[in-house]
C-alpha atoms as a PDB file:
ATOM      1  CA  UNK A   1       0.013   0.003  -0.019  1.00  0.00           C
ATOM      2  CA  UNK A   2       1.339   3.408  -0.963  1.00  0.00           C
ATOM      3  CA  UNK A   3       0.512   6.426   1.120  1.00  0.00           C
ATOM      4  CA  UNK A   4       0.296   9.935  -0.294  1.00  0.00           C
ATOM      5  CA  UNK A   5       0.531  13.380   1.302  1.00  0.00           C
ATOM      6  CA  UNK A   6      -3.265  13.824   1.193  1.00  0.00           C
ATOM      7  CA  UNK A   7      -3.775  10.727   3.385  1.00  0.00           C
ATOM      8  CA  UNK A   8      -5.161   8.734   0.493  1.00  0.00           C
ATOM      9  CA  UNK A   9      -3.728   5.347  -0.272  1.00  0.00           C
ATOM     10  CA  UNK A  10      -3.734   2.974  -3.201  1.00  0.00           C
ATOM     11  CA  UNK A  11      -3.783  -0.818  -3.404  1.00  0.00           C
ATOM     12  CA  UNK A  12      -2.059  -2.949  -6.020  1.00  0.00           C
ATOM     13  CA  UNK A  13      -5.056  -5.150  -6.754  1.00  0.00           C
ATOM     14  CA  UNK A  14      -2.837  -7.558  -8.748  1.00  0.00           C
ATOM     15  CA  UNK A  15      -1.373  -8.589  -5.396  1.00  0.00           C
ATOM     16  CA  UNK A  16      -4.740  -9.481  -3.818  1.00  0.00           C
ATOM     17  CA  UNK A  17      -6.088 -13.019  -3.618  1.00  0.00           C
ATOM     18  CA  UNK A  18      -9.800 -13.769  -4.179  1.00  0.00           C
ATOM     19  CA  UNK A  19     -10.844 -12.902  -0.638  1.00  0.00           C
ATOM     20  CA  UNK A  20      -8.754  -9.707  -0.634  1.00  0.00           C
ATOM     21  CA  UNK A  21     -10.221  -8.609  -3.941  1.00  0.00           C
ATOM     22  CA  UNK A  22     -13.741  -9.295  -2.667  1.00  0.00           C
ATOM     23  CA  UNK A  23     -13.092  -7.244   0.486  1.00  0.00           C
ATOM     24  CA  UNK A  24     -11.545  -4.439  -1.576  1.00  0.00           C
ATOM     25  CA  UNK A  25     -14.597  -4.390  -3.832  1.00  0.00           C
ATOM     26  CA  UNK A  26     -16.945  -4.182  -0.846  1.00  0.00           C
ATOM     27  CA  UNK A  27     -14.893  -1.335   0.603  1.00  0.00           C
ATOM     28  CA  UNK A  28     -14.964   0.582  -2.690  1.00  0.00           C
ATOM     29  CA  UNK A  29     -18.737   0.066  -3.003  1.00  0.00           C
ATOM     30  CA  UNK A  30     -19.324   1.230   0.582  1.00  0.00           C
ATOM     31  CA  UNK A  31     -17.142   4.301   0.048  1.00  0.00           C
ATOM     32  CA  UNK A  32     -18.937   5.227  -3.156  1.00  0.00           C
ATOM     33  CA  UNK A  33     -22.363   4.717  -1.597  1.00  0.00           C
ATOM     34  CA  UNK A  34     -21.445   6.847   1.421  1.00  0.00           C
ATOM     35  CA  UNK A  35     -20.122   9.626  -0.824  1.00  0.00           C
ATOM     36  CA  UNK A  36     -23.342   9.608  -2.863  1.00  0.00           C
ATOM     37  CA  UNK A  37     -25.498   9.576   0.246  1.00  0.00           C
ATOM     38  CA  UNK A  38     -23.740  12.641   1.610  1.00  0.00           C
ATOM     39  CA  UNK A  39     -23.837  14.540  -1.633  1.00  0.00           C
ATOM     40  CA  UNK A  40     -27.576  14.907  -2.098  1.00  0.00           C
ATOM     41  CA  UNK A  41     -30.489  16.836  -0.798  1.00  0.00           C
ATOM     42  CA  UNK A  42     -32.863  14.056   0.295  1.00  0.00           C
ATOM     43  CA  UNK A  43     -35.946  16.256   0.048  1.00  0.00           C
ATOM     44  CA  UNK A  44     -35.112  17.291  -3.512  1.00  0.00           C
ATOM     45  CA  UNK A  45     -34.408  13.671  -4.412  1.00  0.00           C
ATOM     46  CA  UNK A  46     -37.677  12.513  -2.882  1.00  0.00           C
ATOM     47  CA  UNK A  47     -39.589  15.159  -4.805  1.00  0.00           C
ATOM     48  CA  UNK A  48     -37.801  14.173  -7.994  1.00  0.00           C
ATOM     49  CA  UNK A  49     -38.615  10.460  -7.526  1.00  0.00           C
ATOM     50  CA  UNK A  50     -42.365  11.204  -7.587  1.00  0.00           C
ATOM     51  CA  UNK A  51     -43.591   7.602  -7.580  1.00  0.00           C
ATOM     52  CA  UNK A  52     -41.505   5.416  -5.224  1.00  0.00           C
ATOM     53  CA  UNK A  53     -42.742   2.136  -6.774  1.00  0.00           C
ATOM     54  CA  UNK A  54     -41.868   3.279 -10.295  1.00  0.00           C
ATOM     55  CA  UNK A  55     -38.470   4.452  -9.061  1.00  0.00           C
ATOM     56  CA  UNK A  56     -37.803   1.118  -7.332  1.00  0.00           C
ATOM     57  CA  UNK A  57     -38.805  -0.724 -10.498  1.00  0.00           C
ATOM     58  CA  UNK A  58     -36.387   1.418 -12.517  1.00  0.00           C
ATOM     59  CA  UNK A  59     -33.566   0.754 -10.072  1.00  0.00           C
ATOM     60  CA  UNK A  60     -34.324  -2.986 -10.196  1.00  0.00           C
ATOM     61  CA  UNK A  61     -34.299  -3.011 -14.016  1.00  0.00           C
ATOM     62  CA  UNK A  62     -31.014  -1.121 -14.139  1.00  0.00           C
ATOM     63  CA  UNK A  63     -29.460  -3.493 -11.594  1.00  0.00           C
ATOM     64  CA  UNK A  64     -30.555  -6.492 -13.674  1.00  0.00           C
ATOM     65  CA  UNK A  65     -29.027  -4.938 -16.796  1.00  0.00           C
ATOM     66  CA  UNK A  66     -25.751  -4.344 -14.971  1.00  0.00           C
ATOM     67  CA  UNK A  67     -25.750  -7.882 -13.601  1.00  0.00           C
ATOM     68  CA  UNK A  68     -26.334  -9.328 -17.058  1.00  0.00           C
ATOM     69  CA  UNK A  69     -23.477  -7.247 -18.443  1.00  0.00           C
ATOM     70  CA  UNK A  70     -21.174  -8.287 -15.615  1.00  0.00           C
ATOM     71  CA  UNK A  71     -22.063 -11.933 -16.209  1.00  0.00           C
ATOM     72  CA  UNK A  72     -21.386 -11.559 -19.950  1.00  0.00           C
ATOM     73  CA  UNK A  73     -18.065  -9.811 -19.300  1.00  0.00           C
ATOM     74  CA  UNK A  74     -17.076 -12.500 -16.810  1.00  0.00           C
ATOM     75  CA  UNK A  75     -17.794 -15.172 -19.427  1.00  0.00           C
ATOM     76  CA  UNK A  76     -15.488 -13.423 -21.860  1.00  0.00           C
ATOM     77  CA  UNK A  77     -12.787 -13.158 -19.202  1.00  0.00           C
ATOM     78  CA  UNK A  78     -13.021 -16.869 -18.356  1.00  0.00           C
ATOM     79  CA  UNK A  79     -12.922 -17.747 -22.055  1.00  0.00           C
ATOM     80  CA  UNK A  80      -9.907 -15.555 -22.627  1.00  0.00           C
ATOM     81  CA  UNK A  81      -8.116 -17.034 -19.632  1.00  0.00           C
ATOM     82  CA  UNK A  82      -8.806 -20.529 -20.959  1.00  0.00           C
ATOM     83  CA  UNK A  83      -7.287 -19.529 -24.309  1.00  0.00           C
ATOM     84  CA  UNK A  84     -10.567 -19.766 -26.198  1.00  0.00           C
ATOM     85  CA  UNK A  85     -10.386 -16.149 -27.372  1.00  0.00           C
ATOM     86  CA  UNK A  86      -7.237 -15.086 -29.184  1.00  0.00           C
END
């Protein structure tokens, strides 16, 4: 881990094993979620959402699309690692 003057650090993810990479991903997700939660005006967001059920459905659909894309990308990675893709 390298430390910088601004108290930020970086991690060489190539050095992480599966568990370390999983933990690093969780930490990155938590950090991003916390930053987004602090950055907004909850009343303005609630007014913008309008219909909570429609908003939840939209979030669900977007999450499914991202999961499908991640699954597809993972398949390509596995195939490339197995030497199937040149």
